[in-house]
Amino acid sequence: MNKFKVYFSGKNINGEVVDCCTQEIIAKDQNEAIEKFKKSSICKPEYFWIFSKKIN
């Protein structure tokens, strides 16, 4: 298993677009990390530009 961070964009309370990232997610590949994020309680439907990056 590998460690990934999932990056995404969303809007803050002022309606401004902000970039965010998760804590480490353990997954076998980038797609699994994104799927785990999408199934989590922190993922909201209004988030967009979601991608993951492997970290050491």
Protein backbone atom coordinates (compact mmCIF):
# COMPACT_ATOMS: atom_id res chain seq x y z
CA MET A 1 0.00 0.00 0.00
CA ASN A 2 1.07 3.56 -0.67
CA LYS A 3 0.38 6.96 0.88
CA PHE A 4 -1.48 9.62 -1.11
CA LYS A 5 -2.80 13.10 -0.57
CA VAL A 6 -5.98 14.06 -2.38
CA TYR A 7 -6.16 17.64 -3.62
CA PHE A 8 -9.40 19.41 -4.47
CA SER A 9 -10.98 22.82 -4.90
CA GLY A 10 -14.10 24.17 -3.27
CA LYS A 11 -15.63 27.44 -2.14
CA ASN A 12 -15.18 29.00 1.29
CA ILE A 13 -17.94 30.79 3.22
CA ASN A 14 -17.26 33.97 1.22
CA GLY A 15 -17.80 32.16 -2.08
CA GLU A 16 -14.12 32.31 -3.03
CA VAL A 17 -12.51 29.27 -4.67
CA VAL A 18 -9.85 27.73 -2.45
CA ASP A 19 -7.48 24.79 -2.90
CA CYS A 20 -7.36 22.11 -0.19
CA CYS A 21 -5.82 18.72 0.48
CA THR A 22 -6.46 15.76 2.74
CA GLN A 23 -4.24 14.12 5.29
CA GLU A 24 -2.50 10.93 4.16
CA ILE A 25 -4.74 8.28 2.63
CA ILE A 26 -3.46 4.70 2.41
CA ALA A 27 -4.37 3.13 -0.94
CA LYS A 28 -2.93 0.85 -3.62
CA ASP A 29 -3.11 3.53 -6.35
CA GLN A 30 -4.29 7.07 -7.12
CA ASN A 31 -7.75 5.97 -8.23
CA GLU A 32 -8.38 4.09 -4.99
CA ALA A 33 -7.26 7.13 -2.97
CA ILE A 34 -9.74 9.34 -4.84
CA GLU A 35 -12.54 6.81 -4.38
CA LYS A 36 -11.84 6.59 -0.64
CA PHE A 37 -11.98 10.38 -0.43
CA LYS A 38 -15.24 10.56 -2.40
CA LYS A 39 -16.84 8.00 -0.06
CA SER A 40 -15.68 9.83 3.07
CA SER A 41 -17.80 12.21 5.13
CA ILE A 42 -15.51 15.16 4.35
CA CYS A 43 -16.16 15.05 0.59
CA LYS A 44 -18.96 17.38 -0.51
CA PRO A 45 -20.76 17.38 -3.90
CA GLU A 46 -19.60 20.94 -4.60
CA TYR A 47 -15.89 19.98 -4.57
CA PHE A 48 -14.23 19.87 -7.96
CA TRP A 49 -10.83 19.41 -9.62
CA ILE A 50 -10.12 16.32 -7.49
CA PHE A 51 -6.80 14.52 -8.00
CA SER A 52 -4.30 12.58 -5.92
CA LYS A 53 -0.54 12.51 -5.63
CA LYS A 54 1.67 9.81 -4.13
CA ILE A 55 3.78 10.93 -1.19
CA ASN A 56 6.81 9.27 0.39
